[in-house]
């Protein structure tokens, strides 16, 4: 059974907590009720994308989602 996608608010919070606060994957997962592997996957996809932190103000949720979902060579449905 496929997992439910993480909503964009949580994805943005993962990025903020990592790059602004400097929390570990485990601490981010506990703050947001996500597994550390999900946090790792989000950050790995972000690193593989052409984006940088802080995110450009002009980027919307659909563009961010597309950048994170389609930059990995083999995206796994349901992780994001």
PDB file of N, CA and C in Angstrom:
ATOM      1  N   UNK A   1       0.840  -1.181   0.000  1.00  0.00           N
ATOM      2  CA  UNK A   1       0.000   0.000   0.000  1.00  0.00           C
ATOM      3  C   UNK A   1       0.884   1.244   0.000  1.00  0.00           C
ATOM      4  N   UNK A   2       0.570   2.184  -0.859  1.00  0.00           N
ATOM      5  CA  UNK A   2       1.358   3.410  -0.968  1.00  0.00           C
ATOM      6  C   UNK A   2       1.132   4.298   0.250  1.00  0.00           C
ATOM      7  N   UNK A   3       2.194   4.981   0.629  1.00  0.00           N
ATOM      8  CA  UNK A   3       2.090   5.914   1.752  1.00  0.00           C
ATOM      9  C   UNK A   3       1.447   7.211   1.295  1.00  0.00           C
ATOM     10  N   UNK A   4       0.881   7.913   2.267  1.00  0.00           N
ATOM     11  CA  UNK A   4       0.314   9.229   2.004  1.00  0.00           C
ATOM     12  C   UNK A   4       1.441  10.230   1.803  1.00  0.00           C
ATOM     13  N   UNK A   5       1.271  11.150   0.891  1.00  0.00           N
ATOM     14  CA  UNK A   5       2.283  12.178   0.665  1.00  0.00           C
ATOM     15  C   UNK A   5       2.325  13.150   1.831  1.00  0.00           C
ATOM     16  N   UNK A   6       3.529  13.588   2.142  1.00  0.00           N
ATOM     17  CA  UNK A   6       3.715  14.610   3.163  1.00  0.00           C
ATOM     18  C   UNK A   6       3.279  15.937   2.571  1.00  0.00           C
ATOM     19  N   UNK A   7       2.499  16.716   3.337  1.00  0.00           N
ATOM     20  CA  UNK A   7       2.021  17.978   2.772  1.00  0.00           C
ATOM     21  C   UNK A   7       3.161  18.990   2.673  1.00  0.00           C
ATOM     22  N   UNK A   8       2.975  19.963   1.818  1.00  0.00           N
ATOM     23  CA  UNK A   8       4.023  20.932   1.511  1.00  0.00           C
ATOM     24  C   UNK A   8       4.404  21.760   2.728  1.00  0.00           C
ATOM     25  N   UNK A   9       3.501  22.007   3.631  1.00  0.00           N
ATOM     26  CA  UNK A   9       3.819  22.759   4.843  1.00  0.00           C
ATOM     27  C   UNK A   9       4.890  22.025   5.639  1.00  0.00           C
ATOM     28  N   UNK A  10       4.724  20.709   5.776  1.00  0.00           N
ATOM     29  CA  UNK A  10       5.709  19.925   6.516  1.00  0.00           C
ATOM     30  C   UNK A  10       7.039  19.854   5.775  1.00  0.00           C
ATOM     31  N   UNK A  11       6.999  19.771   4.466  1.00  0.00           N
ATOM     32  CA  UNK A  11       8.230  19.735   3.682  1.00  0.00           C
ATOM     33  C   UNK A  11       8.998  21.040   3.875  1.00  0.00           C
ATOM     34  N   UNK A  12       8.303  22.155   3.814  1.00  0.00           N
ATOM     35  CA  UNK A  12       8.950  23.446   4.047  1.00  0.00           C
ATOM     36  C   UNK A  12       9.479  23.537   5.468  1.00  0.00           C
ATOM     37  N   UNK A  13       8.740  22.982   6.426  1.00  0.00           N
ATOM     38  CA  UNK A  13       9.212  22.972   7.818  1.00  0.00           C
ATOM     39  C   UNK A  13      10.468  22.121   7.972  1.00  0.00           C
ATOM     40  N   UNK A  14      10.540  20.991   7.262  1.00  0.00           N
ATOM     41  CA  UNK A  14      11.750  20.157   7.288  1.00  0.00           C
ATOM     42  C   UNK A  14      12.943  20.992   6.827  1.00  0.00           C
ATOM     43  N   UNK A  15      12.793  21.690   5.722  1.00  0.00           N
ATOM     44  CA  UNK A  15      13.878  22.496   5.176  1.00  0.00           C
ATOM     45  C   UNK A  15      14.270  23.613   6.144  1.00  0.00           C
ATOM     46  N   UNK A  16      13.284  24.276   6.719  1.00  0.00           N
ATOM     47  CA  UNK A  16      13.558  25.365   7.668  1.00  0.00           C
ATOM     48  C   UNK A  16      14.286  24.854   8.903  1.00  0.00           C
ATOM     49  N   UNK A  17      13.790  23.741   9.455  1.00  0.00           N
ATOM     50  CA  UNK A  17      14.413  23.198  10.668  1.00  0.00           C
ATOM     51  C   UNK A  17      15.839  22.708  10.408  1.00  0.00           C
ATOM     52  N   UNK A  18      16.096  22.224   9.216  1.00  0.00           N
ATOM     53  CA  UNK A  18      17.440  21.761   8.882  1.00  0.00           C
ATOM     54  C   UNK A  18      18.395  22.928   8.660  1.00  0.00           C
ATOM     55  N   UNK A  19      17.992  23.869   7.809  1.00  0.00           N
ATOM     56  CA  UNK A  19      18.918  24.906   7.371  1.00  0.00           C
ATOM     57  C   UNK A  19      18.954  26.137   8.267  1.00  0.00           C
ATOM     58  N   UNK A  20      17.869  26.452   8.951  1.00  0.00           N
ATOM     59  CA  UNK A  20      17.865  27.623   9.824  1.00  0.00           C
ATOM     60  C   UNK A  20      18.156  27.260  11.274  1.00  0.00           C
ATOM     61  N   UNK A  21      17.640  26.128  11.722  1.00  0.00           N
ATOM     62  CA  UNK A  21      17.783  25.745  13.119  1.00  0.00           C
ATOM     63  C   UNK A  21      18.924  24.747  13.308  1.00  0.00           C
ATOM     64  N   UNK A  22      19.204  23.949  12.269  1.00  0.00           N
ATOM     65  CA  UNK A  22      20.308  23.000  12.331  1.00  0.00           C
ATOM     66  C   UNK A  22      20.001  21.722  13.099  1.00  0.00           C
ATOM     67  N   UNK A  23      18.737  21.308  13.114  1.00  0.00           N
ATOM     68  CA  UNK A  23      18.359  20.094  13.829  1.00  0.00           C
ATOM     69  C   UNK A  23      18.784  18.844  13.062  1.00  0.00           C
ATOM     70  N   UNK A  24      18.931  17.748  13.790  1.00  0.00           N
ATOM     71  CA  UNK A  24      19.229  16.455  13.171  1.00  0.00           C
ATOM     72  C   UNK A  24      17.970  15.905  12.510  1.00  0.00           C
ATOM     73  N   UNK A  25      18.155  14.899  11.670  1.00  0.00           N
ATOM     74  CA  UNK A  25      17.007  14.277  10.998  1.00  0.00           C
ATOM     75  C   UNK A  25      16.038  13.707  12.026  1.00  0.00           C
ATOM     76  N   UNK A  26      16.571  13.066  13.049  1.00  0.00           N
ATOM     77  CA  UNK A  26      15.725  12.481  14.089  1.00  0.00           C
ATOM     78  C   UNK A  26      14.931  13.563  14.822  1.00  0.00           C
ATOM     79  N   UNK A  27      15.582  14.669  15.185  1.00  0.00           N
ATOM     80  CA  UNK A  27      14.890  15.755  15.893  1.00  0.00           C
ATOM     81  C   UNK A  27      13.824  16.404  15.015  1.00  0.00           C
ATOM     82  N   UNK A  28      14.135  16.583  13.744  1.00  0.00           N
ATOM     83  CA  UNK A  28      13.139  17.139  12.812  1.00  0.00           C
ATOM     84  C   UNK A  28      11.941  16.204  12.733  1.00  0.00           C
ATOM     85  N   UNK A  29      12.202  14.909  12.605  1.00  0.00           N
ATOM     86  CA  UNK A  29      11.116  13.931  12.547  1.00  0.00           C
ATOM     87  C   UNK A  29      10.238  13.975  13.781  1.00  0.00           C
ATOM     88  N   UNK A  30      10.846  14.097  14.945  1.00  0.00           N
ATOM     89  CA  UNK A  30      10.060  14.164  16.182  1.00  0.00           C
ATOM     90  C   UNK A  30       9.230  15.441  16.231  1.00  0.00           C
ATOM     91  N   UNK A  31       9.798  16.555  15.805  1.00  0.00           N
ATOM     92  CA  UNK A  31       9.060  17.828  15.811  1.00  0.00           C
ATOM     93  C   UNK A  31       7.841  17.785  14.886  1.00  0.00           C
ATOM     94  N   UNK A  32       7.974  17.096  13.764  1.00  0.00           N
ATOM     95  CA  UNK A  32       6.936  17.129  12.734  1.00  0.00           C
ATOM     96  C   UNK A  32       6.145  15.831  12.610  1.00  0.00           C
ATOM     97  N   UNK A  33       6.401  14.879  13.511  1.00  0.00           N
ATOM     98  CA  UNK A  33       5.741  13.568  13.460  1.00  0.00           C
ATOM     99  C   UNK A  33       6.008  12.858  12.138  1.00  0.00           C
ATOM    100  N   UNK A  34       7.267  12.874  11.724  1.00  0.00           N
ATOM    101  CA  UNK A  34       7.713  12.182  10.516  1.00  0.00           C
ATOM    102  C   UNK A  34       8.811  11.211  10.905  1.00  0.00           C
ATOM    103  N   UNK A  35       8.953  10.149  10.140  1.00  0.00           N
ATOM    104  CA  UNK A  35      10.045   9.223  10.375  1.00  0.00           C
ATOM    105  C   UNK A  35      11.350   9.827   9.890  1.00  0.00           C
ATOM    106  N   UNK A  36      12.468   9.461  10.518  1.00  0.00           N
ATOM    107  CA  UNK A  36      13.754  10.000  10.074  1.00  0.00           C
ATOM    108  C   UNK A  36      14.076   9.650   8.621  1.00  0.00           C
ATOM    109  N   UNK A  37      13.582   8.519   8.140  1.00  0.00           N
ATOM    110  CA  UNK A  37      13.832   8.169   6.738  1.00  0.00           C
ATOM    111  C   UNK A  37      13.069   9.105   5.793  1.00  0.00           C
ATOM    112  N   UNK A  38      11.890   9.552   6.191  1.00  0.00           N
ATOM    113  CA  UNK A  38      11.136  10.507   5.378  1.00  0.00           C
ATOM    114  C   UNK A  38      11.865  11.841   5.341  1.00  0.00           C
ATOM    115  N   UNK A  39      12.380  12.267   6.497  1.00  0.00           N
ATOM    116  CA  UNK A  39      13.152  13.510   6.564  1.00  0.00           C
ATOM    117  C   UNK A  39      14.383  13.390   5.660  1.00  0.00           C
ATOM    118  N   UNK A  40      15.078  12.272   5.732  1.00  0.00           N
ATOM    119  CA  UNK A  40      16.256  12.049   4.892  1.00  0.00           C
ATOM    120  C   UNK A  40      15.900  12.095   3.409  1.00  0.00           C
ATOM    121  N   UNK A  41      14.794  11.487   3.061  1.00  0.00           N
ATOM    122  CA  UNK A  41      14.352  11.471   1.658  1.00  0.00           C
ATOM    123  C   UNK A  41      14.051  12.885   1.162  1.00  0.00           C
ATOM    124  N   UNK A  42      13.359  13.669   1.968  1.00  0.00           N
ATOM    125  CA  UNK A  42      13.034  15.056   1.590  1.00  0.00           C
ATOM    126  C   UNK A  42      14.327  15.844   1.383  1.00  0.00           C
ATOM    127  N   UNK A  43      15.253  15.732   2.322  1.00  0.00           N
ATOM    128  CA  UNK A  43      16.509  16.488   2.225  1.00  0.00           C
ATOM    129  C   UNK A  43      17.382  15.997   1.074  1.00  0.00           C
ATOM    130  N   UNK A  44      17.348  14.714   0.806  1.00  0.00           N
ATOM    131  CA  UNK A  44      18.102  14.168  -0.324  1.00  0.00           C
ATOM    132  C   UNK A  44      17.548  14.696  -1.646  1.00  0.00           C
ATOM    133  N   UNK A  45      16.246  14.719  -1.758  1.00  0.00           N
ATOM    134  CA  UNK A  45      15.620  15.237  -2.982  1.00  0.00           C
ATOM    135  C   UNK A  45      15.904  16.732  -3.149  1.00  0.00           C
ATOM    136  N   UNK A  46      15.886  17.459  -2.023  1.00  0.00           N
ATOM    137  CA  UNK A  46      16.186  18.893  -2.083  1.00  0.00           C
ATOM    138  C   UNK A  46      17.624  19.096  -2.561  1.00  0.00           C
ATOM    139  N   UNK A  47      18.546  18.309  -2.029  1.00  0.00           N
ATOM    140  CA  UNK A  47      19.947  18.426  -2.415  1.00  0.00           C
ATOM    141  C   UNK A  47      20.139  18.111  -3.902  1.00  0.00           C
ATOM    142  N   UNK A  48      19.360  17.165  -4.433  1.00  0.00           N
ATOM    143  CA  UNK A  48      19.456  16.785  -5.839  1.00  0.00           C
ATOM    144  C   UNK A  48      18.791  17.791  -6.775  1.00  0.00           C
ATOM    145  N   UNK A  49      17.978  18.662  -6.213  1.00  0.00           N
ATOM    146  CA  UNK A  49      17.280  19.648  -7.039  1.00  0.00           C
ATOM    147  C   UNK A  49      18.199  20.835  -7.313  1.00  0.00           C
ATOM    148  N   UNK A  50      17.727  21.755  -8.121  1.00  0.00           N
ATOM    149  CA  UNK A  50      18.483  22.973  -8.424  1.00  0.00           C
ATOM    150  C   UNK A  50      18.149  24.097  -7.452  1.00  0.00           C
ATOM    151  N   UNK A  51      17.466  23.766  -6.373  1.00  0.00           N
ATOM    152  CA  UNK A  51      17.042  24.787  -5.412  1.00  0.00           C
ATOM    153  C   UNK A  51      18.094  25.004  -4.340  1.00  0.00           C
ATOM    154  N   UNK A  52      18.004  26.146  -3.681  1.00  0.00           N
ATOM    155  CA  UNK A  52      18.882  26.438  -2.558  1.00  0.00           C
ATOM    156  C   UNK A  52      18.045  27.077  -1.449  1.00  0.00           C
ATOM    157  N   UNK A  53      18.606  27.048  -0.262  1.00  0.00           N
ATOM    158  CA  UNK A  53      17.929  27.662   0.884  1.00  0.00           C
ATOM    159  C   UNK A  53      18.544  29.019   1.142  1.00  0.00           C
ATOM    160  N   UNK A  54      17.766  30.038   1.416  1.00  0.00           N
ATOM    161  CA  UNK A  54      16.307  30.039   1.503  1.00  0.00           C
ATOM    162  C   UNK A  54      15.673  29.923   0.119  1.00  0.00           C
ATOM    163  N   UNK A  55      14.476  29.392   0.119  1.00  0.00           N
ATOM    164  CA  UNK A  55      13.756  29.231  -1.137  1.00  0.00           C
ATOM    165  C   UNK A  55      13.452  30.597  -1.736  1.00  0.00           C
ATOM    166  N   UNK A  56      13.473  30.699  -3.053  1.00  0.00           N
ATOM    167  CA  UNK A  56      13.083  31.968  -3.688  1.00  0.00           C
ATOM    168  C   UNK A  56      11.641  32.315  -3.334  1.00  0.00           C
ATOM    169  N   UNK A  57      11.377  33.591  -3.130  1.00  0.00           N
ATOM    170  CA  UNK A  57      10.019  34.019  -2.774  1.00  0.00           C
ATOM    171  C   UNK A  57       9.008  33.672  -3.856  1.00  0.00           C
ATOM    172  N   UNK A  58       9.450  33.641  -5.089  1.00  0.00           N
ATOM    173  CA  UNK A  58       8.536  33.399  -6.215  1.00  0.00           C
ATOM    174  C   UNK A  58       8.123  31.936  -6.348  1.00  0.00           C
ATOM    175  N   UNK A  59       8.777  31.018  -5.639  1.00  0.00           N
ATOM    176  CA  UNK A  59       8.452  29.599  -5.813  1.00  0.00           C
ATOM    177  C   UNK A  59       7.131  29.277  -5.105  1.00  0.00           C
ATOM    178  N   UNK A  60       6.274  28.583  -5.832  1.00  0.00           N
ATOM    179  CA  UNK A  60       4.996  28.184  -5.228  1.00  0.00           C
ATOM    180  C   UNK A  60       5.049  26.696  -4.881  1.00  0.00           C
ATOM    181  N   UNK A  61       4.015  26.212  -4.212  1.00  0.00           N
ATOM    182  CA  UNK A  61       3.997  24.830  -3.748  1.00  0.00           C
ATOM    183  C   UNK A  61       4.080  23.831  -4.893  1.00  0.00           C
ATOM    184  N   UNK A  62       3.396  24.105  -5.996  1.00  0.00           N
ATOM    185  CA  UNK A  62       3.413  23.174  -7.134  1.00  0.00           C
ATOM    186  C   UNK A  62       4.816  23.068  -7.743  1.00  0.00           C
ATOM    187  N   UNK A  63       5.496  24.183  -7.863  1.00  0.00           N
ATOM    188  CA  UNK A  63       6.848  24.177  -8.418  1.00  0.00           C
ATOM    189  C   UNK A  63       7.803  23.449  -7.483  1.00  0.00           C
ATOM    190  N   UNK A  64       7.695  23.722  -6.190  1.00  0.00           N
ATOM    191  CA  UNK A  64       8.542  23.044  -5.213  1.00  0.00           C
ATOM    192  C   UNK A  64       8.293  21.540  -5.240  1.00  0.00           C
ATOM    193  N   UNK A  65       7.032  21.159  -5.285  1.00  0.00           N
ATOM    194  CA  UNK A  65       6.695  19.740  -5.347  1.00  0.00           C
ATOM    195  C   UNK A  65       7.298  19.092  -6.595  1.00  0.00           C
ATOM    196  N   UNK A  66       7.179  19.745  -7.728  1.00  0.00           N
ATOM    197  CA  UNK A  66       7.726  19.198  -8.971  1.00  0.00           C
ATOM    198  C   UNK A  66       9.244  19.071  -8.890  1.00  0.00           C
ATOM    199  N   UNK A  67       9.904  20.047  -8.306  1.00  0.00           N
ATOM    200  CA  UNK A  67      11.367  19.996  -8.171  1.00  0.00           C
ATOM    201  C   UNK A  67      11.795  18.842  -7.273  1.00  0.00           C
ATOM    202  N   UNK A  68      11.047  18.594  -6.228  1.00  0.00           N
ATOM    203  CA  UNK A  68      11.424  17.543  -5.285  1.00  0.00           C
ATOM    204  C   UNK A  68      11.023  16.156  -5.769  1.00  0.00           C
ATOM    205  N   UNK A  69       9.923  16.062  -6.470  1.00  0.00           N
ATOM    206  CA  UNK A  69       9.455  14.751  -6.908  1.00  0.00           C
ATOM    207  C   UNK A  69      10.169  14.231  -8.137  1.00  0.00           C
ATOM    208  N   UNK A  70      10.601  15.106  -9.015  1.00  0.00           N
ATOM    209  CA  UNK A  70      11.093  14.646 -10.307  1.00  0.00           C
ATOM    210  C   UNK A  70      12.584  14.866 -10.520  1.00  0.00           C
ATOM    211  N   UNK A  71      13.341  15.151  -9.452  1.00  0.00           N
ATOM    212  CA  UNK A  71      14.784  15.314  -9.612  1.00  0.00           C
ATOM    213  C   UNK A  71      15.525  14.012  -9.349  1.00  0.00           C
ATOM    214  N   UNK A  72      14.918  13.105  -8.604  1.00  0.00           N
ATOM    215  CA  UNK A  72      15.554  11.833  -8.291  1.00  0.00           C
ATOM    216  C   UNK A  72      15.368  10.879  -9.468  1.00  0.00           C
ATOM    217  N   UNK A  73      16.350  10.051  -9.773  1.00  0.00           N
ATOM    218  CA  UNK A  73      16.223   9.137 -10.904  1.00  0.00           C
ATOM    219  C   UNK A  73      15.116   8.106 -10.726  1.00  0.00           C
ATOM    220  N   UNK A  74      14.793   7.733  -9.482  1.00  0.00           N
ATOM    221  CA  UNK A  74      13.723   6.766  -9.279  1.00  0.00           C
ATOM    222  C   UNK A  74      12.851   7.185  -8.098  1.00  0.00           C
ATOM    223  N   UNK A  75      11.956   8.163  -8.329  1.00  0.00           N
ATOM    224  CA  UNK A  75      11.121   8.631  -7.221  1.00  0.00           C
ATOM    225  C   UNK A  75      10.224   7.506  -6.707  1.00  0.00           C
ATOM    226  N   UNK A  76      10.089   7.428  -5.385  1.00  0.00           N
ATOM    227  CA  UNK A  76       9.209   6.437  -4.787  1.00  0.00           C
ATOM    228  C   UNK A  76       7.883   7.110  -4.457  1.00  0.00           C
ATOM    229  N   UNK A  77       6.828   6.608  -5.043  1.00  0.00           N
ATOM    230  CA  UNK A  77       5.505   7.192  -4.809  1.00  0.00           C
ATOM    231  C   UNK A  77       5.146   7.130  -3.333  1.00  0.00           C
ATOM    232  N   UNK A  78       4.604   8.232  -2.854  1.00  0.00           N
ATOM    233  CA  UNK A  78       4.074   8.255  -1.507  1.00  0.00           C
ATOM    234  C   UNK A  78       5.032   8.740  -0.436  1.00  0.00           C
ATOM    235  N   UNK A  79       6.322   8.873  -0.713  1.00  0.00           N
ATOM    236  CA  UNK A  79       7.234   9.319   0.325  1.00  0.00           C
ATOM    237  C   UNK A  79       7.119  10.803   0.585  1.00  0.00           C
ATOM    238  N   UNK A  80       6.782  11.557  -0.432  1.00  0.00           N
ATOM    239  CA  UNK A  80       6.651  12.995  -0.243  1.00  0.00           C
ATOM    240  C   UNK A  80       5.211  13.404  -0.299  1.00  0.00           C
TER     241      UNK A  80
END
